[in-house]
Amino acid sequence: MIKRKSDLKVNEIYGLKGGIGKLKMIEILAISELKNEGKLFSRVILEKGSSIGFHKHENDFEVYYILKGKGEVQEANGTYEVGEGDVVYTSHGEEHSLINIGENELEMIAVVINHRV
């Protein structure tokens, strides 16, 4: 299967998970294409000053791979700056948030995979 850029679904979302501002989510694979193994595989673009609110992962885990920009991740054990090439891993039962603290857009790949016991 080949999916062309023009075929990818694009959503603009405001206040994701209680965050502020706007982000663009470009769906790389739809939920149905993840075959019940995951919930999200998308390219995410956070506008300057925008955020994904603090939220907990239950029965899944999430990975962000930062493509460009500068962000700040809050986790239970602290707050960390992230940038191009960094990976943020949030396991089942953990909480996190992300805010774009850079002068430009923050772009990343986001994947949510189901947690299996």
C-alpha atoms as a PDB file:
ATOM      1  CA  MET A   1       0.000   0.000   0.000  1.00  0.00           C
ATOM      2  CA  ILE A   2       1.166   3.500  -0.800  1.00  0.00           C
ATOM      3  CA  LYS A   3      -0.494   6.539   0.710  1.00  0.00           C
ATOM      4  CA  ARG A   4       0.223   9.835  -1.007  1.00  0.00           C
ATOM      5  CA  LYS A   5       0.600  13.061   0.933  1.00  0.00           C
ATOM      6  CA  SER A   6      -2.590  14.320  -0.711  1.00  0.00           C
ATOM      7  CA  ASP A   7      -4.486  11.291   0.689  1.00  0.00           C
ATOM      8  CA  LEU A   8      -3.580  11.901   4.336  1.00  0.00           C
ATOM      9  CA  LYS A   9      -6.353  13.208   6.584  1.00  0.00           C
ATOM     10  CA  VAL A  10      -5.490  16.526   8.255  1.00  0.00           C
ATOM     11  CA  ASN A  11      -7.258  17.765  11.405  1.00  0.00           C
ATOM     12  CA  GLU A  12      -6.830  21.073  13.196  1.00  0.00           C
ATOM     13  CA  ILE A  13      -7.383  20.584  16.913  1.00  0.00           C
ATOM     14  CA  TYR A  14      -7.744  23.241  19.598  1.00  0.00           C
ATOM     15  CA  GLY A  15      -6.988  22.552  23.264  1.00  0.00           C
ATOM     16  CA  LEU A  16      -5.972  18.891  22.915  1.00  0.00           C
ATOM     17  CA  LYS A  17      -6.164  17.102  26.291  1.00  0.00           C
ATOM     18  CA  GLY A  18      -6.877  20.468  27.948  1.00  0.00           C
ATOM     19  CA  GLY A  19      -3.884  22.169  26.331  1.00  0.00           C
ATOM     20  CA  ILE A  20      -3.799  25.648  24.825  1.00  0.00           C
ATOM     21  CA  GLY A  21      -3.685  26.828  21.249  1.00  0.00           C
ATOM     22  CA  LYS A  22      -3.853  24.861  18.034  1.00  0.00           C
ATOM     23  CA  LEU A  23      -2.150  21.874  16.510  1.00  0.00           C
ATOM     24  CA  LYS A  24      -2.378  20.170  13.162  1.00  0.00           C
ATOM     25  CA  MET A  25      -2.580  16.371  13.147  1.00  0.00           C
ATOM     26  CA  ILE A  26      -1.749  14.591   9.902  1.00  0.00           C
ATOM     27  CA  GLU A  27      -2.947  10.986  10.102  1.00  0.00           C
ATOM     28  CA  ILE A  28      -0.224   8.687   8.722  1.00  0.00           C
ATOM     29  CA  LEU A  29      -2.268   5.563   9.458  1.00  0.00           C
ATOM     30  CA  ALA A  30      -5.943   5.432  10.434  1.00  0.00           C
ATOM     31  CA  ILE A  31      -6.989   3.516  13.547  1.00  0.00           C
ATOM     32  CA  SER A  32      -8.383   0.736  11.349  1.00  0.00           C
ATOM     33  CA  GLU A  33      -4.983   0.394   9.638  1.00  0.00           C
ATOM     34  CA  LEU A  34      -3.300  -0.115  13.027  1.00  0.00           C
ATOM     35  CA  LYS A  35      -5.167  -3.458  13.360  1.00  0.00           C
ATOM     36  CA  ASN A  36      -6.102  -2.992  17.043  1.00  0.00           C
ATOM     37  CA  GLU A  37      -2.404  -2.700  17.941  1.00  0.00           C
ATOM     38  CA  GLY A  38      -2.435   1.066  18.359  1.00  0.00           C
ATOM     39  CA  LYS A  39      -4.535   4.216  18.543  1.00  0.00           C
ATOM     40  CA  LEU A  40      -2.453   6.835  16.748  1.00  0.00           C
ATOM     41  CA  PHE A  41       0.302   7.184  14.150  1.00  0.00           C
ATOM     42  CA  SER A  42       0.448  10.824  13.091  1.00  0.00           C
ATOM     43  CA  ARG A  43       2.644  13.761  12.224  1.00  0.00           C
ATOM     44  CA  VAL A  44       1.803  16.516  14.689  1.00  0.00           C
ATOM     45  CA  ILE A  45       2.578  20.218  14.257  1.00  0.00           C
ATOM     46  CA  LEU A  46       2.176  22.432  17.325  1.00  0.00           C
ATOM     47  CA  GLU A  47       1.967  26.170  16.701  1.00  0.00           C
ATOM     48  CA  LYS A  48       4.222  28.502  18.690  1.00  0.00           C
ATOM     49  CA  GLY A  49       2.993  28.630  22.317  1.00  0.00           C
ATOM     50  CA  SER A  50       0.525  25.764  21.836  1.00  0.00           C
ATOM     51  CA  SER A  51       0.415  22.674  24.027  1.00  0.00           C
ATOM     52  CA  ILE A  52      -0.942  19.188  24.560  1.00  0.00           C
ATOM     53  CA  GLY A  53      -2.348  19.172  28.096  1.00  0.00           C
ATOM     54  CA  PHE A  54      -1.193  16.979  30.976  1.00  0.00           C
ATOM     55  CA  HIS A  55      -2.795  13.540  30.576  1.00  0.00           C
ATOM     56  CA  LYS A  56      -2.382   9.955  31.742  1.00  0.00           C
ATOM     57  CA  HIS A  57      -1.895   6.903  29.549  1.00  0.00           C
ATOM     58  CA  GLU A  58      -4.020   3.928  30.540  1.00  0.00           C
ATOM     59  CA  ASN A  59      -3.756   0.667  28.601  1.00  0.00           C
ATOM     60  CA  ASP A  60      -1.404   2.231  26.051  1.00  0.00           C
ATOM     61  CA  PHE A  61       1.942   3.994  25.721  1.00  0.00           C
ATOM     62  CA  GLU A  62       3.017   6.944  23.596  1.00  0.00           C
ATOM     63  CA  VAL A  63       6.170   7.919  21.758  1.00  0.00           C
ATOM     64  CA  TYR A  64       7.003  11.361  20.360  1.00  0.00           C
ATOM     65  CA  TYR A  65       9.901  11.696  17.927  1.00  0.00           C
ATOM     66  CA  ILE A  66      10.753  15.384  17.587  1.00  0.00           C
ATOM     67  CA  LEU A  67      11.473  16.364  13.966  1.00  0.00           C
ATOM     68  CA  LYS A  68      12.007  20.093  14.487  1.00  0.00           C
ATOM     69  CA  GLY A  69      11.395  22.853  16.969  1.00  0.00           C
ATOM     70  CA  LYS A  70      11.780  23.148  20.718  1.00  0.00           C
ATOM     71  CA  GLY A  71       9.431  21.918  23.411  1.00  0.00           C
ATOM     72  CA  GLU A  72       9.064  21.376  27.104  1.00  0.00           C
ATOM     73  CA  VAL A  73       7.781  18.045  28.411  1.00  0.00           C
ATOM     74  CA  GLN A  74       6.298  17.767  31.883  1.00  0.00           C
ATOM     75  CA  GLU A  75       6.333  14.347  33.538  1.00  0.00           C
ATOM     76  CA  ALA A  76       5.655  13.241  37.108  1.00  0.00           C
ATOM     77  CA  ASN A  77       9.381  13.413  37.918  1.00  0.00           C
ATOM     78  CA  GLY A  78      10.201  16.749  36.315  1.00  0.00           C
ATOM     79  CA  THR A  79      10.186  19.090  33.344  1.00  0.00           C
ATOM     80  CA  TYR A  80      12.564  18.633  30.406  1.00  0.00           C
ATOM     81  CA  GLU A  81      13.433  20.570  27.272  1.00  0.00           C
ATOM     82  CA  VAL A  82      13.322  18.590  24.013  1.00  0.00           C
ATOM     83  CA  GLY A  83      14.353  19.305  20.445  1.00  0.00           C
ATOM     84  CA  GLU A  84      15.137  17.812  17.060  1.00  0.00           C
ATOM     85  CA  GLY A  85      16.041  14.116  17.263  1.00  0.00           C
ATOM     86  CA  ASP A  86      14.817  13.652  20.848  1.00  0.00           C
ATOM     87  CA  VAL A  87      12.391  10.886  21.802  1.00  0.00           C
ATOM     88  CA  VAL A  88       9.741  11.171  24.521  1.00  0.00           C
ATOM     89  CA  TYR A  89       8.436   7.818  25.803  1.00  0.00           C
ATOM     90  CA  THR A  90       5.416   7.747  28.110  1.00  0.00           C
ATOM     91  CA  SER A  91       4.578   4.282  29.429  1.00  0.00           C
ATOM     92  CA  HIS A  92       1.262   2.777  30.532  1.00  0.00           C
ATOM     93  CA  GLY A  93       0.199   4.449  33.789  1.00  0.00           C
ATOM     94  CA  GLU A  94       2.408   7.531  33.298  1.00  0.00           C
ATOM     95  CA  GLU A  95       1.406  11.157  32.666  1.00  0.00           C
ATOM     96  CA  HIS A  96       2.872  13.898  30.502  1.00  0.00           C
ATOM     97  CA  SER A  97       2.289  17.133  28.623  1.00  0.00           C
ATOM     98  CA  LEU A  98       4.121  19.039  25.887  1.00  0.00           C
ATOM     99  CA  ILE A  99       4.333  22.747  25.108  1.00  0.00           C
ATOM    100  CA  ASN A 100       6.004  24.410  22.144  1.00  0.00           C
ATOM    101  CA  ILE A 101       8.492  26.870  23.700  1.00  0.00           C
ATOM    102  CA  GLY A 102      10.309  27.684  20.464  1.00  0.00           C
ATOM    103  CA  GLU A 103      10.014  30.605  18.075  1.00  0.00           C
ATOM    104  CA  ASN A 104       8.598  28.380  15.303  1.00  0.00           C
ATOM    105  CA  GLU A 105       6.369  25.342  14.945  1.00  0.00           C
ATOM    106  CA  LEU A 106       7.241  22.150  16.807  1.00  0.00           C
ATOM    107  CA  GLU A 107       6.890  19.123  14.540  1.00  0.00           C
ATOM    108  CA  MET A 108       6.933  15.478  15.626  1.00  0.00           C
ATOM    109  CA  ILE A 109       5.783  11.963  14.867  1.00  0.00           C
ATOM    110  CA  ALA A 110       3.393  10.664  17.551  1.00  0.00           C
ATOM    111  CA  VAL A 111       2.571   6.981  18.028  1.00  0.00           C
ATOM    112  CA  VAL A 112       0.196   5.484  20.605  1.00  0.00           C
ATOM    113  CA  ILE A 113       0.490   1.705  20.949  1.00  0.00           C
ATOM    114  CA  ASN A 114      -1.838  -0.504  22.997  1.00  0.00           C
ATOM    115  CA  HIS A 115      -0.371  -1.930  26.208  1.00  0.00           C
ATOM    116  CA  ARG A 116      -0.606  -5.692  26.396  1.00  0.00           C
ATOM    117  CA  VAL A 117      -0.284  -7.512  29.718  1.00  0.00           C
END
